[in-house]
Amino acid sequence: AYTTRLKQLSTALGLAVDPVRLECFDISHTAGEATVGACVVFDAEGPVPSQYRRFNMKSVEAGDDYGAMREVLQRRYRKVVENQEALPDLVLVDGGKGQYRIAHEVLNELLLGDIPIVAVAKGRDRKPGNEKLYISRRNSVLSLPGSSAGLHLIQQIRDEAHRFSRKLHHKDQEKSLFSSWLDEIKGIGPQRK
């Protein structure tokens, strides 16, 4: 079933070869605060959780989703290039035209402009099945029918990226909620605190 959806995705996007490695990025925050970026990886058999990556923002203003996406993509693909790691066959970003533009700029800056990019916008009513796809090397927006196996795969990957980024974000929130200035004092343990 997964292999069939992968083939149908490749056909729907007009890719020259079926993608084997897909990487999807999502940014998560609460009202612009505590921003975290996430990358999930799928291969020919499905999700590869051991290769998921987390990115704490280092240089981005609170609420700057475009800046956060730029930072995450730059950090991820600079490392991939420097360490000669496996390149993805397809990059997906959660977001619309703006996020697509950022991904396109970053990959071109790093001389990885040949990697196809798909930005997945939820659409006005934010209902599954109404996603708009911004695809590299296309001048139009693609809308796949709700019954499309290729769209179902995109939704699965996007939802997994969203789930992973929210999990990271909630973990950070929980940590800050239960932290205290008492943690900084040497000799005071959890029980006394």
N, C-alpha and C. Protein backbone atom coordinates (compact mmCIF):
# COMPACT_ATOMS: atom_id res chain seq x y z
N ALA A 1 0.82 -1.20 0.00
CA ALA A 1 0.00 0.00 0.00
C ALA A 1 0.87 1.26 0.00
N TYR A 2 1.91 1.30 0.87
CA TYR A 2 2.78 2.47 0.93
C TYR A 2 3.51 2.67 -0.40
N THR A 3 4.01 1.56 -0.97
CA THR A 3 4.74 1.64 -2.24
C THR A 3 3.84 2.16 -3.35
N THR A 4 2.58 1.74 -3.36
CA THR A 4 1.62 2.21 -4.36
C THR A 4 1.39 3.70 -4.21
N ARG A 5 1.22 4.16 -2.97
CA ARG A 5 1.01 5.60 -2.74
C ARG A 5 2.24 6.40 -3.16
N LEU A 6 3.43 5.84 -2.91
CA LEU A 6 4.67 6.51 -3.30
C LEU A 6 4.74 6.66 -4.82
N LYS A 7 4.38 5.61 -5.53
CA LYS A 7 4.38 5.66 -7.01
C LYS A 7 3.35 6.67 -7.51
N GLN A 8 2.16 6.67 -6.92
CA GLN A 8 1.12 7.60 -7.35
C GLN A 8 1.50 9.04 -7.03
N LEU A 9 2.20 9.24 -5.92
CA LEU A 9 2.69 10.58 -5.59
C LEU A 9 3.68 11.04 -6.64
N SER A 10 4.60 10.17 -7.00
CA SER A 10 5.60 10.48 -8.01
C SER A 10 4.95 10.86 -9.33
N THR A 11 3.94 10.11 -9.74
CA THR A 11 3.21 10.39 -10.99
C THR A 11 2.47 11.72 -10.89
N ALA A 12 1.77 11.93 -9.77
CA ALA A 12 0.98 13.16 -9.60
C ALA A 12 1.87 14.40 -9.62
N LEU A 13 3.07 14.29 -9.07
CA LEU A 13 3.97 15.44 -9.03
C LEU A 13 4.81 15.57 -10.30
N GLY A 14 4.75 14.56 -11.16
CA GLY A 14 5.52 14.60 -12.40
C GLY A 14 7.01 14.43 -12.18
N LEU A 15 7.38 13.63 -11.17
CA LEU A 15 8.80 13.41 -10.88
C LEU A 15 9.39 12.43 -11.88
N ALA A 16 10.65 12.65 -12.24
CA ALA A 16 11.33 11.79 -13.21
C ALA A 16 11.54 10.38 -12.64
N VAL A 17 11.84 10.29 -11.34
CA VAL A 17 12.02 9.00 -10.69
C VAL A 17 11.22 8.98 -9.39
N ASP A 18 10.82 7.78 -8.97
CA ASP A 18 10.10 7.66 -7.71
C ASP A 18 11.02 8.04 -6.56
N PRO A 19 10.56 8.88 -5.65
CA PRO A 19 11.42 9.26 -4.51
C PRO A 19 11.60 8.09 -3.56
N VAL A 20 12.82 7.96 -3.04
CA VAL A 20 13.12 6.92 -2.08
C VAL A 20 13.24 7.54 -0.69
N ARG A 21 13.83 8.73 -0.63
CA ARG A 21 14.00 9.42 0.65
C ARG A 21 13.23 10.74 0.60
N LEU A 22 12.29 10.89 1.53
CA LEU A 22 11.49 12.12 1.61
C LEU A 22 11.73 12.75 2.97
N GLU A 23 11.92 14.06 3.00
CA GLU A 23 12.10 14.78 4.26
C GLU A 23 11.05 15.88 4.32
N CYS A 24 10.37 15.97 5.46
CA CYS A 24 9.31 16.96 5.63
C CYS A 24 9.60 17.80 6.87
N PHE A 25 9.38 19.12 6.74
CA PHE A 25 9.70 20.08 7.79
C PHE A 25 8.44 20.78 8.29
N ASP A 26 8.41 21.00 9.60
CA ASP A 26 7.30 21.71 10.23
C ASP A 26 7.86 22.59 11.34
N ILE A 27 7.21 23.72 11.55
CA ILE A 27 7.58 24.66 12.62
C ILE A 27 6.42 24.69 13.60
N SER A 28 6.74 24.65 14.89
CA SER A 28 5.70 24.66 15.91
C SER A 28 6.03 25.70 16.98
N HIS A 29 5.00 26.41 17.45
CA HIS A 29 5.16 27.38 18.53
C HIS A 29 3.80 27.69 19.13
N THR A 30 3.81 28.37 20.25
CA THR A 30 2.58 28.84 20.88
C THR A 30 2.61 30.35 20.85
N ALA A 31 1.72 30.94 20.07
CA ALA A 31 1.65 32.41 19.93
C ALA A 31 3.03 32.99 19.66
N GLY A 32 3.82 32.30 18.84
CA GLY A 32 5.12 32.81 18.46
C GLY A 32 6.24 32.49 19.43
N GLU A 33 5.92 31.97 20.60
CA GLU A 33 6.94 31.68 21.61
C GLU A 33 7.37 30.22 21.56
N ALA A 34 8.57 29.97 22.06
CA ALA A 34 9.11 28.60 22.18
C ALA A 34 9.07 27.87 20.84
N THR A 35 9.58 28.51 19.81
CA THR A 35 9.55 27.92 18.47
C THR A 35 10.51 26.75 18.36
N VAL A 36 10.03 25.68 17.75
CA VAL A 36 10.86 24.50 17.50
C VAL A 36 10.59 24.04 16.07
N GLY A 37 11.64 23.56 15.40
CA GLY A 37 11.50 23.03 14.05
C GLY A 37 11.71 21.52 14.08
N ALA A 38 11.06 20.83 13.15
CA ALA A 38 11.17 19.38 13.10
C ALA A 38 11.34 18.92 11.66
N CYS A 39 12.11 17.84 11.52
CA CYS A 39 12.27 17.18 10.22
C CYS A 39 11.97 15.70 10.42
N VAL A 40 11.03 15.17 9.64
CA VAL A 40 10.77 13.73 9.66
C VAL A 40 11.24 13.15 8.34
N VAL A 41 11.65 11.90 8.39
CA VAL A 41 12.22 11.23 7.22
C VAL A 41 11.41 9.97 6.92
N PHE A 42 11.06 9.81 5.65
CA PHE A 42 10.41 8.59 5.16
C PHE A 42 11.32 8.01 4.09
N ASP A 43 11.39 6.68 4.04
CA ASP A 43 12.15 6.04 2.97
C ASP A 43 11.21 5.15 2.16
N ALA A 44 11.74 4.23 1.40
CA ALA A 44 10.92 3.39 0.53
C ALA A 44 9.94 2.51 1.29
N GLU A 45 10.14 2.37 2.61
CA GLU A 45 9.25 1.51 3.40
C GLU A 45 8.39 2.28 4.39
N GLY A 46 8.59 3.58 4.50
CA GLY A 46 7.79 4.38 5.43
C GLY A 46 8.63 5.23 6.35
N PRO A 47 8.08 5.62 7.52
CA PRO A 47 8.80 6.51 8.43
C PRO A 47 10.07 5.88 9.00
N VAL A 48 11.08 6.73 9.21
CA VAL A 48 12.36 6.30 9.80
C VAL A 48 12.62 7.17 11.03
N PRO A 49 11.95 6.89 12.16
CA PRO A 49 12.05 7.75 13.34
C PRO A 49 13.48 7.99 13.84
N SER A 50 14.38 7.04 13.64
CA SER A 50 15.76 7.22 14.10
C SER A 50 16.46 8.37 13.37
N GLN A 51 15.89 8.81 12.23
CA GLN A 51 16.50 9.90 11.47
C GLN A 51 15.73 11.21 11.61
N TYR A 52 14.71 11.24 12.44
CA TYR A 52 13.99 12.49 12.69
C TYR A 52 14.96 13.46 13.37
N ARG A 53 14.77 14.74 13.11
CA ARG A 53 15.64 15.76 13.69
C ARG A 53 14.82 16.88 14.32
N ARG A 54 15.37 17.45 15.39
CA ARG A 54 14.76 18.55 16.12
C ARG A 54 15.69 19.76 15.97
N PHE A 55 15.09 20.94 15.86
CA PHE A 55 15.87 22.18 15.74
C PHE A 55 15.32 23.23 16.69
N ASN A 56 16.13 23.60 17.68
CA ASN A 56 15.78 24.73 18.54
C ASN A 56 16.24 25.98 17.81
N MET A 57 15.40 26.98 17.76
CA MET A 57 15.74 28.20 17.04
C MET A 57 16.85 28.95 17.76
N LYS A 58 17.82 29.42 16.97
CA LYS A 58 18.97 30.14 17.53
C LYS A 58 18.95 31.62 17.19
N SER A 59 18.40 31.95 16.03
CA SER A 59 18.55 33.34 15.58
C SER A 59 17.26 33.96 15.07
N VAL A 60 16.13 33.40 15.45
CA VAL A 60 14.87 33.84 14.87
C VAL A 60 14.03 34.59 15.91
N GLU A 61 13.42 35.69 15.46
CA GLU A 61 12.49 36.43 16.31
C GLU A 61 11.24 35.59 16.56
N ALA A 62 10.64 35.77 17.72
CA ALA A 62 9.40 35.04 18.05
C ALA A 62 8.34 35.32 16.99
N GLY A 63 7.69 34.26 16.53
CA GLY A 63 6.59 34.40 15.58
C GLY A 63 7.00 34.50 14.12
N ASP A 64 8.30 34.44 13.82
CA ASP A 64 8.77 34.55 12.44
C ASP A 64 8.86 33.16 11.82
N ASP A 65 7.73 32.67 11.30
CA ASP A 65 7.69 31.32 10.72
C ASP A 65 8.61 31.17 9.52
N TYR A 66 8.68 32.21 8.69
CA TYR A 66 9.56 32.14 7.51
C TYR A 66 11.02 32.09 7.94
N GLY A 67 11.38 32.92 8.90
CA GLY A 67 12.75 32.90 9.40
C GLY A 67 13.09 31.57 10.05
N ALA A 68 12.13 31.00 10.78
CA ALA A 68 12.34 29.70 11.42
C ALA A 68 12.54 28.61 10.36
N MET A 69 11.72 28.62 9.31
CA MET A 69 11.87 27.63 8.25
C MET A 69 13.22 27.79 7.56
N ARG A 70 13.63 29.04 7.32
CA ARG A 70 14.93 29.29 6.68
C ARG A 70 16.05 28.72 7.55
N GLU A 71 16.01 29.01 8.85
CA GLU A 71 17.06 28.53 9.76
C GLU A 71 17.12 27.01 9.78
N VAL A 72 15.96 26.36 9.90
CA VAL A 72 15.91 24.91 9.97
C VAL A 72 16.48 24.28 8.69
N LEU A 73 16.04 24.78 7.54
CA LEU A 73 16.51 24.21 6.27
C LEU A 73 18.01 24.46 6.07
N GLN A 74 18.49 25.65 6.42
CA GLN A 74 19.92 25.94 6.28
C GLN A 74 20.74 25.02 7.17
N ARG A 75 20.34 24.89 8.42
CA ARG A 75 21.09 24.04 9.34
C ARG A 75 21.07 22.59 8.89
N ARG A 76 19.90 22.11 8.47
CA ARG A 76 19.79 20.71 8.05
C ARG A 76 20.66 20.42 6.83
N TYR A 77 20.53 21.24 5.79
CA TYR A 77 21.20 20.90 4.54
C TYR A 77 22.66 21.34 4.49
N ARG A 78 23.06 22.30 5.29
CA ARG A 78 24.50 22.58 5.42
C ARG A 78 25.20 21.35 6.01
N LYS A 79 24.57 20.79 7.05
CA LYS A 79 25.14 19.60 7.69
C LYS A 79 25.17 18.42 6.73
N VAL A 80 24.10 18.24 5.97
CA VAL A 80 24.04 17.15 4.99
C VAL A 80 25.17 17.29 3.98
N VAL A 81 25.38 18.52 3.48
CA VAL A 81 26.43 18.76 2.48
C VAL A 81 27.81 18.55 3.10
N GLU A 82 28.04 19.16 4.29
CA GLU A 82 29.36 19.06 4.94
C GLU A 82 29.73 17.62 5.27
N ASN A 83 28.76 16.83 5.74
CA ASN A 83 29.03 15.45 6.14
C ASN A 83 28.79 14.44 5.03
N GLN A 84 28.44 14.94 3.86
CA GLN A 84 28.15 14.09 2.70
C GLN A 84 27.14 13.00 3.05
N GLU A 85 26.07 13.42 3.72
CA GLU A 85 24.99 12.51 4.09
C GLU A 85 24.06 12.32 2.90
N ALA A 86 23.16 11.36 3.02
CA ALA A 86 22.20 11.09 1.94
C ALA A 86 21.29 12.30 1.72
N LEU A 87 21.15 12.69 0.48
CA LEU A 87 20.26 13.79 0.12
C LEU A 87 18.85 13.24 -0.08
N PRO A 88 17.84 14.05 0.22
CA PRO A 88 16.47 13.59 -0.03
C PRO A 88 16.15 13.64 -1.52
N ASP A 89 15.21 12.81 -1.94
CA ASP A 89 14.71 12.84 -3.32
C ASP A 89 13.56 13.82 -3.44
N LEU A 90 12.97 14.20 -2.28
CA LEU A 90 11.85 15.13 -2.26
C LEU A 90 11.83 15.81 -0.89
N VAL A 91 11.67 17.14 -0.92
CA VAL A 91 11.55 17.93 0.31
C VAL A 91 10.13 18.46 0.39
N LEU A 92 9.47 18.21 1.51
CA LEU A 92 8.13 18.75 1.74
C LEU A 92 8.20 19.75 2.89
N VAL A 93 7.49 20.86 2.74
CA VAL A 93 7.40 21.83 3.83
C VAL A 93 5.93 22.10 4.11
N ASP A 94 5.62 22.22 5.40
CA ASP A 94 4.25 22.52 5.80
C ASP A 94 4.06 24.01 5.67
N GLY A 95 3.22 24.42 4.74
CA GLY A 95 2.99 25.85 4.51
C GLY A 95 2.69 26.10 3.05
N GLY A 96 2.50 27.34 2.72
CA GLY A 96 2.11 27.69 1.36
C GLY A 96 3.23 28.27 0.54
N LYS A 97 2.84 29.26 -0.28
CA LYS A 97 3.76 29.85 -1.24
C LYS A 97 5.00 30.46 -0.59
N GLY A 98 4.81 31.11 0.56
CA GLY A 98 5.94 31.73 1.25
C GLY A 98 6.96 30.71 1.74
N GLN A 99 6.46 29.62 2.32
CA GLN A 99 7.36 28.57 2.80
C GLN A 99 8.05 27.89 1.61
N TYR A 100 7.31 27.74 0.50
CA TYR A 100 7.92 27.18 -0.71
C TYR A 100 9.08 28.07 -1.17
N ARG A 101 8.84 29.38 -1.20
CA ARG A 101 9.88 30.33 -1.65
C ARG A 101 11.13 30.22 -0.78
N ILE A 102 10.95 30.12 0.53
CA ILE A 102 12.08 30.00 1.45
C ILE A 102 12.86 28.71 1.15
N ALA A 103 12.16 27.59 1.02
CA ALA A 103 12.82 26.31 0.74
C ALA A 103 13.59 26.37 -0.57
N HIS A 104 12.97 26.97 -1.59
CA HIS A 104 13.61 27.10 -2.90
C HIS A 104 14.89 27.93 -2.79
N GLU A 105 14.83 29.05 -2.09
CA GLU A 105 16.01 29.92 -1.93
C GLU A 105 17.13 29.19 -1.20
N VAL A 106 16.80 28.51 -0.09
CA VAL A 106 17.82 27.83 0.71
C VAL A 106 18.50 26.72 -0.09
N LEU A 107 17.71 25.88 -0.76
CA LEU A 107 18.30 24.79 -1.53
C LEU A 107 19.16 25.32 -2.67
N ASN A 108 18.73 26.41 -3.31
CA ASN A 108 19.55 27.01 -4.37
C ASN A 108 20.85 27.57 -3.81
N GLU A 109 20.78 28.25 -2.66
CA GLU A 109 22.00 28.80 -2.03
C GLU A 109 23.02 27.70 -1.74
N LEU A 110 22.53 26.51 -1.38
CA LEU A 110 23.41 25.40 -1.03
C LEU A 110 23.71 24.49 -2.23
N LEU A 111 23.35 24.96 -3.42
CA LEU A 111 23.57 24.23 -4.67
C LEU A 111 22.85 22.88 -4.68
N LEU A 112 21.67 22.86 -4.09
CA LEU A 112 20.84 21.65 -4.06
C LEU A 112 19.51 21.90 -4.77
N GLY A 113 19.53 22.84 -5.70
CA GLY A 113 18.31 23.26 -6.39
C GLY A 113 17.66 22.20 -7.24
N ASP A 114 18.33 21.08 -7.47
CA ASP A 114 17.74 19.99 -8.26
C ASP A 114 16.76 19.15 -7.47
N ILE A 115 16.78 19.28 -6.15
CA ILE A 115 15.88 18.49 -5.31
C ILE A 115 14.47 19.07 -5.41
N PRO A 116 13.49 18.27 -5.82
CA PRO A 116 12.11 18.78 -5.91
C PRO A 116 11.58 19.18 -4.53
N ILE A 117 10.79 20.25 -4.52
CA ILE A 117 10.19 20.78 -3.29
C ILE A 117 8.68 20.81 -3.47
N VAL A 118 7.97 20.44 -2.41
CA VAL A 118 6.51 20.58 -2.38
C VAL A 118 6.14 21.28 -1.08
N ALA A 119 5.44 22.41 -1.20
CA ALA A 119 4.89 23.08 -0.02
C ALA A 119 3.42 22.71 0.05
N VAL A 120 2.98 22.29 1.23
CA VAL A 120 1.62 21.79 1.42
C VAL A 120 0.82 22.82 2.21
N ALA A 121 -0.05 23.55 1.50
CA ALA A 121 -0.92 24.55 2.14
C ALA A 121 -2.27 23.91 2.43
N LYS A 122 -2.81 24.18 3.60
CA LYS A 122 -4.05 23.52 4.02
C LYS A 122 -5.29 24.02 3.30
N GLY A 123 -5.23 25.16 2.67
CA GLY A 123 -6.42 25.71 2.02
C GLY A 123 -7.22 26.55 2.99
N ARG A 124 -8.19 27.30 2.46
CA ARG A 124 -8.96 28.24 3.28
C ARG A 124 -9.70 27.58 4.43
N ASP A 125 -10.38 26.48 4.14
CA ASP A 125 -11.20 25.86 5.19
C ASP A 125 -10.41 24.88 6.06
N ARG A 126 -9.13 24.67 5.72
CA ARG A 126 -8.21 23.83 6.50
C ARG A 126 -8.70 22.39 6.64
N LYS A 127 -9.50 21.92 5.68
CA LYS A 127 -10.01 20.56 5.72
C LYS A 127 -9.08 19.63 4.94
N PRO A 128 -8.81 18.43 5.48
CA PRO A 128 -8.02 17.46 4.72
C PRO A 128 -8.69 17.17 3.38
N GLY A 129 -7.90 17.09 2.34
CA GLY A 129 -8.42 16.83 1.00
C GLY A 129 -8.50 18.10 0.16
N ASN A 130 -8.36 19.26 0.81
CA ASN A 130 -8.40 20.54 0.08
C ASN A 130 -7.03 21.22 0.04
N GLU A 131 -5.97 20.44 0.26
CA GLU A 131 -4.63 21.00 0.26
C GLU A 131 -4.25 21.53 -1.12
N LYS A 132 -3.49 22.60 -1.10
CA LYS A 132 -2.91 23.16 -2.32
C LYS A 132 -1.42 22.86 -2.28
N LEU A 133 -0.88 22.37 -3.38
CA LEU A 133 0.52 21.99 -3.44
C LEU A 133 1.28 22.95 -4.33
N TYR A 134 2.32 23.57 -3.78
CA TYR A 134 3.22 24.42 -4.54
C TYR A 134 4.44 23.57 -4.85
N ILE A 135 4.68 23.34 -6.13
CA ILE A 135 5.68 22.36 -6.55
C ILE A 135 6.77 23.05 -7.37
N SER A 136 8.03 22.69 -7.07
CA SER A 136 9.13 23.27 -7.84
C SER A 136 9.00 22.90 -9.32
N ARG A 137 9.46 23.82 -10.14
CA ARG A 137 9.43 23.71 -11.60
C ARG A 137 8.02 23.74 -12.18
N ARG A 138 7.08 24.27 -11.43
CA ARG A 138 5.70 24.42 -11.92
C ARG A 138 5.26 25.84 -11.66
N ASN A 139 4.54 26.40 -12.57
CA ASN A 139 4.04 27.76 -12.38
C ASN A 139 2.62 27.79 -11.85
N SER A 140 2.07 26.60 -11.58
CA SER A 140 0.69 26.56 -11.09
C SER A 140 0.63 25.80 -9.78
N VAL A 141 -0.49 25.97 -9.11
CA VAL A 141 -0.74 25.26 -7.86
C VAL A 141 -1.49 23.98 -8.21
N LEU A 142 -1.09 22.89 -7.59
CA LEU A 142 -1.72 21.60 -7.86
C LEU A 142 -2.67 21.26 -6.71
N SER A 143 -3.86 20.83 -7.07
CA SER A 143 -4.83 20.32 -6.09
C SER A 143 -5.17 18.90 -6.51
N LEU A 144 -4.78 17.95 -5.69
CA LEU A 144 -5.09 16.55 -5.99
C LEU A 144 -6.46 16.21 -5.43
N PRO A 145 -7.20 15.32 -6.08
CA PRO A 145 -8.51 14.93 -5.55
C PRO A 145 -8.37 14.27 -4.18
N GLY A 146 -9.38 14.42 -3.35
CA GLY A 146 -9.35 13.85 -2.01
C GLY A 146 -9.15 12.35 -1.99
N SER A 147 -9.45 11.68 -3.10
CA SER A 147 -9.31 10.22 -3.18
C SER A 147 -7.90 9.81 -3.64
N SER A 148 -7.05 10.76 -3.96
CA SER A 148 -5.72 10.47 -4.50
C SER A 148 -4.82 9.80 -3.46
N ALA A 149 -4.26 8.65 -3.82
CA ALA A 149 -3.33 7.96 -2.92
C ALA A 149 -2.07 8.79 -2.71
N GLY A 150 -1.68 9.55 -3.73
CA GLY A 150 -0.53 10.44 -3.59
C GLY A 150 -0.78 11.52 -2.56
N LEU A 151 -2.00 12.10 -2.58
CA LEU A 151 -2.36 13.10 -1.59
C LEU A 151 -2.40 12.49 -0.20
N HIS A 152 -2.91 11.27 -0.08
CA HIS A 152 -2.96 10.60 1.22
C HIS A 152 -1.56 10.43 1.79
N LEU A 153 -0.59 10.12 0.93
CA LEU A 153 0.79 9.98 1.41
C LEU A 153 1.34 11.33 1.87
N ILE A 154 1.07 12.40 1.11
CA ILE A 154 1.51 13.74 1.51
C ILE A 154 0.90 14.09 2.87
N GLN A 155 -0.39 13.79 3.03
CA GLN A 155 -1.06 14.08 4.31
C GLN A 155 -0.43 13.29 5.45
N GLN A 156 -0.12 12.02 5.19
CA GLN A 156 0.50 11.19 6.23
C GLN A 156 1.85 11.76 6.65
N ILE A 157 2.66 12.13 5.68
CA ILE A 157 4.00 12.65 5.99
C ILE A 157 3.88 13.99 6.70
N ARG A 158 3.01 14.87 6.18
CA ARG A 158 2.82 16.18 6.81
C ARG A 158 2.30 16.05 8.23
N ASP A 159 1.33 15.15 8.42
CA ASP A 159 0.76 14.94 9.75
C ASP A 159 1.80 14.38 10.71
N GLU A 160 2.68 13.52 10.23
CA GLU A 160 3.74 12.98 11.08
C GLU A 160 4.73 14.09 11.47
N ALA A 161 5.06 14.96 10.53
CA ALA A 161 5.94 16.10 10.85
C ALA A 161 5.28 17.00 11.88
N HIS A 162 3.99 17.23 11.71
CA HIS A 162 3.25 18.08 12.64
C HIS A 162 3.18 17.43 14.02
N ARG A 163 2.89 16.14 14.05
CA ARG A 163 2.82 15.41 15.32
C ARG A 163 4.17 15.47 16.05
N PHE A 164 5.25 15.25 15.31
CA PHE A 164 6.59 15.25 15.91
C PHE A 164 6.96 16.64 16.43
N SER A 165 6.68 17.67 15.65
CA SER A 165 7.03 19.04 16.09
C SER A 165 6.20 19.45 17.30
N ARG A 166 4.91 19.07 17.32
CA ARG A 166 4.07 19.40 18.48
C ARG A 166 4.55 18.66 19.73
N LYS A 167 4.96 17.41 19.55
CA LYS A 167 5.48 16.62 20.67
C LYS A 167 6.72 17.31 21.26
N LEU A 168 7.61 17.76 20.39
CA LEU A 168 8.82 18.46 20.86
C LEU A 168 8.44 19.74 21.57
N HIS A 169 7.50 20.46 20.98
CA HIS A 169 7.08 21.74 21.55
C HIS A 169 6.44 21.54 22.92
N HIS A 170 5.57 20.54 23.04
CA HIS A 170 4.92 20.27 24.34
C HIS A 170 5.93 19.85 25.39
N LYS A 171 6.93 19.06 24.97
CA LYS A 171 7.97 18.64 25.90
C LYS A 171 8.73 19.86 26.43
N ASP A 172 9.03 20.81 25.53
CA ASP A 172 9.72 22.04 25.96
C ASP A 172 8.84 22.85 26.90
N GLN A 173 7.55 22.95 26.59
CA GLN A 173 6.63 23.71 27.45
C GLN A 173 6.54 23.08 28.82
N GLU A 174 6.46 21.76 28.86
CA GLU A 174 6.35 21.05 30.14
C GLU A 174 7.61 21.28 30.97
N LYS A 175 8.77 21.23 30.31
CA LYS A 175 10.02 21.44 31.01
C LYS A 175 10.08 22.84 31.62
N SER A 176 9.67 23.84 30.85
CA SER A 176 9.71 25.21 31.38
C SER A 176 8.66 25.43 32.45
N LEU A 177 7.54 24.73 32.35
CA LEU A 177 6.48 24.86 33.34
C LEU A 177 6.93 24.34 34.70
N PHE A 178 7.71 23.27 34.71
CA PHE A 178 8.13 22.67 35.96
C PHE A 178 9.54 23.08 36.38
N SER A 179 10.13 24.02 35.65
CA SER A 179 11.45 24.49 36.07
C SER A 179 11.28 25.67 37.02
N SER A 180 12.31 25.92 37.79
CA SER A 180 12.24 26.97 38.80
C SER A 180 13.63 27.57 38.98
N TRP A 181 13.68 28.77 39.51
CA TRP A 181 14.98 29.38 39.81
C TRP A 181 15.70 28.56 40.87
N LEU A 182 14.97 27.74 41.60
CA LEU A 182 15.60 26.87 42.60
C LEU A 182 16.49 25.81 41.96
N ASP A 183 16.19 25.48 40.68
CA ASP A 183 17.02 24.50 39.96
C ASP A 183 18.45 24.98 39.81
N GLU A 184 18.65 26.29 39.84
CA GLU A 184 19.97 26.89 39.64
C GLU A 184 20.83 26.86 40.90
N ILE A 185 20.24 26.60 42.05
CA ILE A 185 20.98 26.64 43.31
C ILE A 185 21.59 25.27 43.59
N LYS A 186 22.91 25.27 43.72
CA LYS A 186 23.62 24.02 43.97
C LYS A 186 23.21 23.49 45.35
N GLY A 187 22.96 22.19 45.41
CA GLY A 187 22.64 21.57 46.67
C GLY A 187 21.14 21.41 46.94
N ILE A 188 20.31 22.03 46.10
CA ILE A 188 18.87 21.87 46.27
C ILE A 188 18.40 20.86 45.23
N GLY A 189 17.88 19.75 45.72
CA GLY A 189 17.42 18.68 44.84
C GLY A 189 15.93 18.78 44.60
N PRO A 190 15.39 17.83 43.84
CA PRO A 190 13.98 17.88 43.49
C PRO A 190 13.05 17.79 44.70
N GLN A 191 13.45 17.00 45.71
CA GLN A 191 12.58 16.83 46.86
C GLN A 191 12.46 18.13 47.66
N ARG A 192 13.58 18.76 47.94
CA ARG A 192 13.57 20.00 48.72
C ARG A 192 12.88 21.10 47.92
N LYS A 193 13.13 21.16 46.63
CA LYS A 193 12.50 22.16 45.76
C LYS A 193 11.00 22.02 45.85
